[in-house]
N, C-alpha and C. Protein backbone atom coordinates (compact mmCIF):
# COMPACT_ATOMS: atom_id res chain seq x y z
N MET A 1 105.04 110.12 110.90
CA MET A 1 104.81 110.76 109.63
C MET A 1 103.99 109.82 108.78
N ILE A 2 102.92 110.32 108.24
CA ILE A 2 102.07 109.53 107.38
C ILE A 2 102.22 110.07 105.97
N THR A 3 102.47 109.17 105.04
CA THR A 3 102.63 109.60 103.66
C THR A 3 101.29 110.02 103.09
N ASN A 4 101.32 110.73 101.96
CA ASN A 4 100.07 111.17 101.33
C ASN A 4 99.19 109.98 101.00
N GLU A 5 99.81 108.88 100.55
CA GLU A 5 99.04 107.69 100.21
C GLU A 5 98.31 107.13 101.41
N SER A 6 99.05 106.93 102.52
CA SER A 6 98.41 106.35 103.70
C SER A 6 97.45 107.35 104.35
N ALA A 7 97.72 108.64 104.22
CA ALA A 7 96.80 109.64 104.76
C ALA A 7 95.48 109.59 104.01
N ALA A 8 95.56 109.41 102.71
CA ALA A 8 94.33 109.34 101.92
C ALA A 8 93.53 108.10 102.28
N GLU A 9 94.24 107.00 102.60
CA GLU A 9 93.54 105.77 102.96
C GLU A 9 92.90 105.85 104.34
N SER A 10 93.51 106.62 105.25
CA SER A 10 93.00 106.63 106.62
C SER A 10 92.15 107.85 106.93
N VAL A 11 91.74 108.58 105.93
CA VAL A 11 90.91 109.75 106.16
C VAL A 11 89.56 109.30 106.71
N VAL A 12 89.14 109.94 107.76
CA VAL A 12 87.85 109.62 108.37
C VAL A 12 86.77 110.33 107.58
N PRO A 13 85.77 109.58 107.10
CA PRO A 13 84.70 110.24 106.35
C PRO A 13 83.97 111.26 107.22
N THR A 14 83.40 112.26 106.57
CA THR A 14 82.66 113.27 107.31
C THR A 14 81.20 113.25 106.90
N VAL A 15 80.39 113.67 107.85
CA VAL A 15 78.96 113.75 107.61
C VAL A 15 78.57 115.21 107.67
N PRO A 16 77.99 115.76 106.61
CA PRO A 16 77.64 117.17 106.65
C PRO A 16 76.54 117.44 107.66
N LYS A 17 76.68 118.55 108.38
CA LYS A 17 75.63 118.98 109.31
C LYS A 17 74.58 119.73 108.50
N PRO A 18 73.35 119.72 108.96
CA PRO A 18 72.34 120.51 108.26
C PRO A 18 72.71 121.99 108.31
N ALA A 19 72.49 122.66 107.19
CA ALA A 19 72.83 124.09 107.11
C ALA A 19 71.88 124.88 108.00
N ALA A 20 72.42 125.90 108.63
CA ALA A 20 71.60 126.77 109.47
C ALA A 20 70.74 127.64 108.58
N ALA A 21 69.78 128.29 109.17
CA ALA A 21 68.87 129.13 108.39
C ALA A 21 69.62 130.28 107.71
N SER A 22 70.71 130.71 108.32
CA SER A 22 71.48 131.79 107.70
C SER A 22 72.33 131.23 106.56
N GLU A 23 73.02 132.08 105.89
CA GLU A 23 73.82 131.69 104.73
C GLU A 23 75.24 131.27 105.12
N THR A 24 75.45 130.72 106.32
CA THR A 24 76.79 130.30 106.72
C THR A 24 77.15 128.99 106.03
N PRO A 25 78.43 128.79 105.72
CA PRO A 25 78.83 127.55 105.06
C PRO A 25 78.61 126.36 105.99
N GLU A 26 78.40 125.19 105.38
CA GLU A 26 78.19 123.97 106.15
C GLU A 26 79.47 123.56 106.86
N LEU A 27 79.33 123.16 108.11
CA LEU A 27 80.45 122.62 108.86
C LEU A 27 80.32 121.11 108.81
N GLU A 28 81.45 120.43 108.73
CA GLU A 28 81.41 118.97 108.67
C GLU A 28 81.93 118.39 109.98
N GLU A 29 81.26 117.36 110.42
CA GLU A 29 81.62 116.68 111.66
C GLU A 29 82.13 115.29 111.32
N PRO A 30 83.28 114.89 111.89
CA PRO A 30 83.79 113.55 111.58
C PRO A 30 82.80 112.48 112.03
N ALA A 31 82.65 111.46 111.22
CA ALA A 31 81.80 110.32 111.56
C ALA A 31 82.68 109.12 111.87
N TRP A 32 82.25 108.28 112.75
CA TRP A 32 82.99 107.07 113.08
C TRP A 32 82.72 106.07 111.96
N PRO A 33 83.71 105.76 111.13
CA PRO A 33 83.48 104.92 109.95
C PRO A 33 83.24 103.46 110.27
N TRP A 34 83.45 103.04 111.51
CA TRP A 34 83.34 101.62 111.84
C TRP A 34 82.08 101.29 112.63
N LYS A 35 81.17 102.25 112.75
CA LYS A 35 79.97 102.07 113.58
C LYS A 35 79.19 100.82 113.22
N ASP A 36 78.91 100.61 111.95
CA ASP A 36 78.11 99.45 111.54
C ASP A 36 78.94 98.39 110.81
N ALA A 37 80.24 98.52 110.88
CA ALA A 37 81.11 97.58 110.18
C ALA A 37 81.10 96.23 110.89
N PRO A 38 81.26 95.15 110.13
CA PRO A 38 81.34 93.82 110.77
C PRO A 38 82.63 93.70 111.61
N ILE A 39 82.61 92.77 112.54
CA ILE A 39 83.77 92.52 113.40
C ILE A 39 85.01 92.29 112.54
N ARG A 40 84.84 91.55 111.46
CA ARG A 40 85.96 91.25 110.55
C ARG A 40 86.63 92.53 110.07
N ALA A 41 85.82 93.54 109.76
CA ALA A 41 86.36 94.82 109.28
C ALA A 41 87.13 95.54 110.40
N LEU A 42 86.63 95.45 111.62
CA LEU A 42 87.34 96.07 112.76
C LEU A 42 88.69 95.40 112.97
N VAL A 43 88.71 94.09 112.89
CA VAL A 43 89.97 93.36 113.06
C VAL A 43 90.93 93.70 111.93
N GLN A 44 90.40 93.79 110.71
CA GLN A 44 91.23 94.16 109.57
C GLN A 44 91.82 95.56 109.77
N ARG A 45 91.05 96.46 110.33
CA ARG A 45 91.55 97.82 110.58
C ARG A 45 92.66 97.79 111.62
N ILE A 46 92.51 96.97 112.65
CA ILE A 46 93.57 96.84 113.66
C ILE A 46 94.85 96.36 112.98
N LEU A 47 94.73 95.41 112.07
CA LEU A 47 95.90 94.90 111.36
C LEU A 47 96.54 95.99 110.50
N GLN A 48 95.71 96.81 109.87
CA GLN A 48 96.24 97.93 109.08
C GLN A 48 96.95 98.94 109.98
N LEU A 49 96.37 99.19 111.14
CA LEU A 49 96.99 100.12 112.08
C LEU A 49 98.32 99.57 112.59
N GLN A 50 98.39 98.25 112.76
CA GLN A 50 99.66 97.64 113.16
C GLN A 50 100.72 97.83 112.07
N ALA A 51 100.30 97.75 110.82
CA ALA A 51 101.24 97.99 109.72
C ALA A 51 101.72 99.44 109.75
N GLU A 52 100.84 100.37 110.09
CA GLU A 52 101.25 101.77 110.22
C GLU A 52 102.24 101.95 111.37
N ARG A 53 102.00 101.23 112.47
CA ARG A 53 102.95 101.29 113.58
C ARG A 53 104.31 100.74 113.16
N ALA A 54 104.30 99.63 112.44
CA ALA A 54 105.57 99.05 111.98
C ALA A 54 106.33 100.06 111.11
N GLN A 55 105.61 100.75 110.25
CA GLN A 55 106.24 101.77 109.40
C GLN A 55 106.80 102.90 110.27
N ALA A 56 106.06 103.31 111.27
CA ALA A 56 106.53 104.38 112.16
C ALA A 56 107.80 103.95 112.90
N PHE A 57 107.87 102.70 113.31
CA PHE A 57 109.09 102.20 113.96
C PHE A 57 110.26 102.23 112.97
N ARG A 58 110.02 101.90 111.71
CA ARG A 58 111.08 101.96 110.70
C ARG A 58 111.57 103.40 110.53
N TRP A 59 110.62 104.36 110.50
CA TRP A 59 110.99 105.78 110.38
C TRP A 59 111.82 106.22 111.58
N LEU A 60 111.40 105.78 112.77
CA LEU A 60 112.12 106.14 113.99
C LEU A 60 113.54 105.59 113.95
N GLU A 61 113.68 104.34 113.56
CA GLU A 61 115.00 103.72 113.49
C GLU A 61 115.88 104.41 112.44
N GLU A 62 115.32 104.71 111.29
CA GLU A 62 116.08 105.39 110.24
C GLU A 62 116.49 106.79 110.71
N GLY A 63 115.60 107.50 111.37
CA GLY A 63 115.93 108.82 111.90
C GLY A 63 117.06 108.74 112.91
N HIS A 64 117.05 107.70 113.73
CA HIS A 64 118.11 107.54 114.73
C HIS A 64 119.43 107.21 114.06
N ARG A 65 119.40 106.36 113.04
CA ARG A 65 120.64 106.05 112.30
C ARG A 65 121.22 107.32 111.67
N GLN A 66 120.36 108.13 111.08
CA GLN A 66 120.82 109.38 110.48
C GLN A 66 121.42 110.30 111.55
N TYR A 67 120.78 110.33 112.70
CA TYR A 67 121.27 111.15 113.80
C TYR A 67 122.66 110.70 114.23
N LEU A 68 122.86 109.40 114.39
CA LEU A 68 124.16 108.89 114.81
C LEU A 68 125.24 109.15 113.75
N ARG A 69 124.88 109.08 112.49
CA ARG A 69 125.84 109.34 111.41
C ARG A 69 126.18 110.82 111.32
N SER A 70 125.37 111.69 111.89
CA SER A 70 125.57 113.13 111.75
C SER A 70 126.60 113.69 112.73
N GLY A 71 127.10 112.88 113.65
CA GLY A 71 127.92 113.51 114.66
C GLY A 71 129.11 112.70 115.10
N PRO A 72 129.79 113.19 116.11
CA PRO A 72 129.57 114.49 116.70
C PRO A 72 130.10 115.63 115.83
N PRO A 73 129.61 116.81 115.90
CA PRO A 73 128.40 117.23 116.62
C PRO A 73 127.16 116.69 115.91
N TYR A 74 126.19 116.33 116.68
CA TYR A 74 124.98 115.70 116.15
C TYR A 74 123.97 116.73 115.65
N ASP A 75 123.22 116.33 114.64
CA ASP A 75 122.17 117.20 114.08
C ASP A 75 120.88 116.94 114.87
N PHE A 76 120.86 117.46 116.11
CA PHE A 76 119.71 117.20 116.97
C PHE A 76 118.41 117.82 116.47
N PRO A 77 118.42 119.04 115.93
CA PRO A 77 117.14 119.60 115.45
C PRO A 77 116.46 118.71 114.40
N ARG A 78 117.22 118.14 113.51
CA ARG A 78 116.64 117.25 112.49
C ARG A 78 116.06 115.99 113.15
N TYR A 79 116.81 115.42 114.09
CA TYR A 79 116.33 114.23 114.79
C TYR A 79 115.07 114.54 115.60
N ARG A 80 115.08 115.68 116.29
CA ARG A 80 113.91 116.08 117.08
C ARG A 80 112.69 116.21 116.18
N SER A 81 112.87 116.75 114.99
CA SER A 81 111.77 116.89 114.04
C SER A 81 111.24 115.53 113.61
N LYS A 82 112.15 114.60 113.35
CA LYS A 82 111.75 113.24 112.96
C LYS A 82 110.99 112.56 114.09
N VAL A 83 111.50 112.70 115.31
CA VAL A 83 110.83 112.10 116.47
C VAL A 83 109.43 112.70 116.63
N HIS A 84 109.30 114.00 116.40
CA HIS A 84 108.00 114.65 116.49
C HIS A 84 107.02 114.06 115.46
N GLU A 85 107.48 113.90 114.23
CA GLU A 85 106.63 113.32 113.18
C GLU A 85 106.20 111.90 113.54
N VAL A 86 107.14 111.12 114.01
CA VAL A 86 106.84 109.73 114.37
C VAL A 86 105.89 109.68 115.57
N THR A 87 106.11 110.57 116.52
CA THR A 87 105.22 110.63 117.69
C THR A 87 103.79 110.94 117.27
N GLN A 88 103.64 111.86 116.32
CA GLN A 88 102.29 112.16 115.82
C GLN A 88 101.67 110.95 115.14
N ALA A 89 102.46 110.21 114.38
CA ALA A 89 101.94 109.01 113.72
C ALA A 89 101.51 107.97 114.75
N PHE A 90 102.35 107.75 115.78
CA PHE A 90 101.99 106.81 116.84
C PHE A 90 100.72 107.25 117.56
N ALA A 91 100.61 108.53 117.84
CA ALA A 91 99.44 109.05 118.56
C ALA A 91 98.17 108.85 117.73
N ALA A 92 98.24 109.10 116.43
CA ALA A 92 97.06 108.92 115.57
C ALA A 92 96.63 107.46 115.54
N VAL A 93 97.60 106.57 115.42
CA VAL A 93 97.28 105.14 115.43
C VAL A 93 96.67 104.75 116.76
N SER A 94 97.27 105.19 117.85
CA SER A 94 96.77 104.84 119.19
C SER A 94 95.35 105.33 119.41
N ARG A 95 95.05 106.54 118.96
CA ARG A 95 93.68 107.05 119.11
C ARG A 95 92.68 106.13 118.41
N GLU A 96 93.01 105.72 117.21
CA GLU A 96 92.08 104.87 116.47
C GLU A 96 91.99 103.47 117.08
N VAL A 97 93.12 102.93 117.54
CA VAL A 97 93.09 101.62 118.19
C VAL A 97 92.21 101.69 119.43
N LEU A 98 92.34 102.75 120.21
CA LEU A 98 91.51 102.89 121.41
C LEU A 98 90.03 103.03 121.06
N ALA A 99 89.74 103.69 119.95
CA ALA A 99 88.35 103.82 119.50
C ALA A 99 87.78 102.47 119.08
N VAL A 100 88.59 101.66 118.41
CA VAL A 100 88.13 100.32 118.02
C VAL A 100 87.93 99.48 119.28
N GLU A 101 88.84 99.60 120.23
CA GLU A 101 88.68 98.86 121.49
C GLU A 101 87.37 99.25 122.17
N ALA A 102 87.08 100.54 122.23
CA ALA A 102 85.85 101.02 122.86
C ALA A 102 84.62 100.49 122.11
N GLU A 103 84.70 100.44 120.79
CA GLU A 103 83.59 99.90 119.98
C GLU A 103 83.38 98.43 120.30
N LEU A 104 84.47 97.68 120.43
CA LEU A 104 84.36 96.25 120.73
C LEU A 104 83.85 96.02 122.16
N ALA A 105 84.33 96.82 123.09
CA ALA A 105 83.95 96.64 124.50
C ALA A 105 82.53 97.11 124.76
N GLY A 106 82.12 98.18 124.08
CA GLY A 106 80.80 98.76 124.33
C GLY A 106 79.72 98.20 123.44
N PRO A 107 79.44 98.89 122.33
CA PRO A 107 78.31 98.52 121.48
C PRO A 107 78.36 97.08 120.94
N ARG A 108 79.54 96.57 120.70
CA ARG A 108 79.65 95.21 120.13
C ARG A 108 79.61 94.11 121.18
N ALA A 109 79.81 94.48 122.43
CA ALA A 109 79.80 93.52 123.54
C ALA A 109 80.73 92.34 123.26
N GLN A 110 81.97 92.68 122.90
CA GLN A 110 83.00 91.67 122.62
C GLN A 110 84.19 91.88 123.55
N PRO A 111 84.02 91.57 124.85
CA PRO A 111 85.10 91.87 125.80
C PRO A 111 86.39 91.10 125.51
N LEU A 112 86.30 89.89 124.97
CA LEU A 112 87.51 89.13 124.67
C LEU A 112 88.33 89.83 123.59
N LEU A 113 87.65 90.25 122.52
CA LEU A 113 88.35 90.95 121.44
C LEU A 113 88.88 92.30 121.92
N ALA A 114 88.07 93.00 122.72
CA ALA A 114 88.52 94.29 123.26
C ALA A 114 89.75 94.09 124.15
N GLY A 115 89.78 93.00 124.89
CA GLY A 115 90.93 92.69 125.74
C GLY A 115 92.20 92.45 124.91
N HIS A 116 92.03 91.78 123.78
CA HIS A 116 93.19 91.57 122.89
C HIS A 116 93.71 92.91 122.39
N VAL A 117 92.80 93.80 122.01
CA VAL A 117 93.21 95.10 121.50
C VAL A 117 93.89 95.91 122.61
N ARG A 118 93.36 95.83 123.82
CA ARG A 118 93.96 96.53 124.96
C ARG A 118 95.37 95.99 125.22
N SER A 119 95.52 94.66 125.19
CA SER A 119 96.84 94.04 125.38
C SER A 119 97.81 94.50 124.31
N LEU A 120 97.33 94.55 123.08
CA LEU A 120 98.15 94.99 121.96
C LEU A 120 98.64 96.42 122.21
N GLN A 121 97.75 97.28 122.65
CA GLN A 121 98.10 98.67 122.92
C GLN A 121 99.16 98.75 124.01
N GLN A 122 99.00 97.98 125.08
CA GLN A 122 99.97 98.00 126.18
C GLN A 122 101.33 97.47 125.73
N LEU A 123 101.32 96.41 124.94
CA LEU A 123 102.58 95.87 124.44
C LEU A 123 103.29 96.86 123.52
N GLU A 124 102.52 97.56 122.71
CA GLU A 124 103.14 98.57 121.83
C GLU A 124 103.72 99.72 122.63
N GLN A 125 103.08 100.09 123.73
CA GLN A 125 103.64 101.13 124.60
C GLN A 125 104.97 100.67 125.20
N THR A 126 105.01 99.42 125.63
CA THR A 126 106.24 98.85 126.18
C THR A 126 107.33 98.83 125.11
N ARG A 127 106.96 98.40 123.92
CA ARG A 127 107.93 98.33 122.83
C ARG A 127 108.50 99.73 122.52
N LEU A 128 107.64 100.72 122.42
CA LEU A 128 108.10 102.07 122.11
C LEU A 128 109.03 102.61 123.19
N ALA A 129 108.66 102.43 124.45
CA ALA A 129 109.50 102.91 125.55
C ALA A 129 110.85 102.21 125.54
N THR A 130 110.86 100.92 125.26
CA THR A 130 112.11 100.17 125.24
C THR A 130 112.99 100.59 124.07
N VAL A 131 112.38 100.77 122.91
CA VAL A 131 113.14 101.23 121.73
C VAL A 131 113.73 102.61 121.99
N ALA A 132 112.97 103.49 122.60
CA ALA A 132 113.47 104.84 122.90
C ALA A 132 114.66 104.78 123.85
N LEU A 133 114.57 103.95 124.88
CA LEU A 133 115.68 103.81 125.83
C LEU A 133 116.91 103.21 125.13
N LEU A 134 116.68 102.24 124.29
CA LEU A 134 117.77 101.62 123.53
C LEU A 134 118.45 102.64 122.63
N GLN A 135 117.67 103.50 122.00
CA GLN A 135 118.26 104.54 121.16
C GLN A 135 119.09 105.51 121.98
N LEU A 136 118.61 105.88 123.14
CA LEU A 136 119.39 106.77 124.01
C LEU A 136 120.71 106.13 124.41
N MET A 137 120.68 104.85 124.67
CA MET A 137 121.90 104.16 125.10
C MET A 137 122.91 104.03 123.96
N ARG A 138 122.48 104.17 122.73
CA ARG A 138 123.39 104.04 121.60
C ARG A 138 124.20 105.32 121.35
N VAL A 139 123.94 106.35 122.14
CA VAL A 139 124.68 107.60 122.00
C VAL A 139 125.61 107.70 123.22
N PRO A 140 126.86 107.21 123.09
CA PRO A 140 127.77 107.18 124.24
C PRO A 140 127.98 108.55 124.88
N GLU A 141 127.90 109.62 124.10
CA GLU A 141 128.10 110.97 124.66
C GLU A 141 127.00 111.31 125.67
N LEU A 142 125.83 110.70 125.52
CA LEU A 142 124.73 110.98 126.44
C LEU A 142 124.80 110.10 127.68
N THR A 143 125.26 108.88 127.53
CA THR A 143 125.24 107.93 128.64
C THR A 143 126.59 107.80 129.33
N GLY A 144 127.63 108.36 128.75
CA GLY A 144 128.96 108.25 129.35
C GLY A 144 129.75 107.08 128.78
N GLN A 145 129.08 105.96 128.60
CA GLN A 145 129.72 104.80 128.00
C GLN A 145 128.64 103.84 127.52
N GLU A 146 129.03 102.97 126.65
CA GLU A 146 128.08 102.01 126.11
C GLU A 146 128.02 100.80 127.03
N ASP A 147 126.86 100.46 127.52
CA ASP A 147 126.67 99.31 128.40
C ASP A 147 126.11 98.17 127.54
N THR A 148 127.01 97.32 127.06
CA THR A 148 126.59 96.28 126.12
C THR A 148 125.64 95.27 126.74
N LEU A 149 125.82 94.95 128.01
CA LEU A 149 124.92 93.99 128.66
C LEU A 149 123.50 94.55 128.74
N GLN A 150 123.37 95.79 129.17
CA GLN A 150 122.03 96.38 129.27
C GLN A 150 121.42 96.56 127.88
N MET A 151 122.24 96.92 126.90
CA MET A 151 121.71 97.05 125.53
C MET A 151 121.22 95.71 125.03
N HIS A 152 121.95 94.65 125.31
CA HIS A 152 121.52 93.31 124.90
C HIS A 152 120.19 92.95 125.57
N GLN A 153 120.07 93.26 126.85
CA GLN A 153 118.83 92.97 127.58
C GLN A 153 117.65 93.74 126.99
N LEU A 154 117.89 95.00 126.63
CA LEU A 154 116.82 95.80 126.02
C LEU A 154 116.44 95.26 124.64
N LYS A 155 117.44 94.85 123.86
CA LYS A 155 117.14 94.25 122.55
C LYS A 155 116.31 92.99 122.71
N MET A 156 116.65 92.19 123.71
CA MET A 156 115.88 90.96 123.97
C MET A 156 114.45 91.30 124.40
N LYS A 157 114.31 92.35 125.17
CA LYS A 157 112.98 92.78 125.60
C LYS A 157 112.15 93.22 124.40
N VAL A 158 112.76 93.93 123.46
CA VAL A 158 112.05 94.34 122.24
C VAL A 158 111.61 93.10 121.47
N ILE A 159 112.51 92.14 121.32
CA ILE A 159 112.18 90.91 120.57
C ILE A 159 111.04 90.16 121.25
N LYS A 160 111.13 90.00 122.56
CA LYS A 160 110.07 89.28 123.30
C LYS A 160 108.73 90.03 123.22
N THR A 161 108.80 91.35 123.26
CA THR A 161 107.58 92.15 123.14
C THR A 161 106.97 91.98 121.75
N MET A 162 107.81 91.97 120.73
CA MET A 162 107.30 91.78 119.37
C MET A 162 106.70 90.39 119.20
N GLU A 163 107.29 89.39 119.83
CA GLU A 163 106.72 88.04 119.80
C GLU A 163 105.35 88.02 120.49
N ALA A 164 105.25 88.71 121.61
CA ALA A 164 103.97 88.77 122.33
C ALA A 164 102.92 89.50 121.49
N ILE A 165 103.34 90.55 120.78
CA ILE A 165 102.42 91.27 119.89
C ILE A 165 101.90 90.34 118.81
N SER A 166 102.80 89.56 118.23
CA SER A 166 102.39 88.59 117.19
C SER A 166 101.38 87.59 117.74
N GLU A 167 101.61 87.12 118.96
CA GLU A 167 100.69 86.17 119.59
C GLU A 167 99.32 86.79 119.81
N VAL A 168 99.30 88.03 120.29
CA VAL A 168 98.03 88.72 120.53
C VAL A 168 97.28 88.91 119.21
N LEU A 169 98.00 89.29 118.17
CA LEU A 169 97.35 89.46 116.86
C LEU A 169 96.77 88.14 116.35
N GLN A 170 97.51 87.06 116.57
CA GLN A 170 97.02 85.74 116.16
C GLN A 170 95.77 85.38 116.96
N ASP A 171 95.79 85.61 118.26
CA ASP A 171 94.61 85.35 119.10
C ASP A 171 93.43 86.21 118.66
N LEU A 172 93.69 87.46 118.34
CA LEU A 172 92.63 88.37 117.89
C LEU A 172 91.98 87.83 116.62
N ARG A 173 92.81 87.44 115.65
CA ARG A 173 92.27 86.89 114.40
C ARG A 173 91.44 85.64 114.67
N PHE A 174 91.98 84.72 115.46
CA PHE A 174 91.31 83.46 115.74
C PHE A 174 89.98 83.69 116.46
N ASP A 175 90.03 84.50 117.51
CA ASP A 175 88.81 84.74 118.30
C ASP A 175 87.77 85.53 117.50
N ALA A 176 88.21 86.40 116.62
CA ALA A 176 87.27 87.15 115.78
C ALA A 176 86.56 86.21 114.80
N GLU A 177 87.28 85.23 114.28
CA GLU A 177 86.65 84.26 113.38
C GLU A 177 85.58 83.45 114.09
N SER A 178 85.81 83.12 115.35
CA SER A 178 84.83 82.32 116.09
C SER A 178 83.60 83.14 116.48
N VAL A 179 83.72 84.47 116.49
CA VAL A 179 82.60 85.33 116.83
C VAL A 179 81.61 85.40 115.67
N GLU A 180 82.14 85.43 114.45
CA GLU A 180 81.28 85.64 113.28
C GLU A 180 80.61 84.37 112.82
């Protein structure tokens, strides 16, 4: 879920198409706002997208807490709706991260920076899958019983993944500075 404020900040500018000879209204085509942006701006955008991911993880965690407090019987439709909103937010961020990666790998010829962005994307996928599994395990009615050892291992995996994400972001910042 993206708030109105963050939606307004992340709106992709549009470029009007030339009007046809007939009196039809102009259609607008999205433009890639980072085409001529400096590398520094691309890295800054990645950092902003990471902040959006962090917010989405907070929404997911809060939705799960509300779900657990609602039952039994659990308010699954509300939780499903929250998960859907968060999934859309993650998907939007991922699309833009992949577009920045493609820009760095292709036109910018920055394979090292593109590799950092790719690693970041893979680590975030691991983090999301692990968090989802951890949330499922927190509902004893679904799993039969709470497995504290496995839950601890999953929590440690989330922590280690977050540490790796921080390292990749630090490498991205450092390597981007050396490019400019």
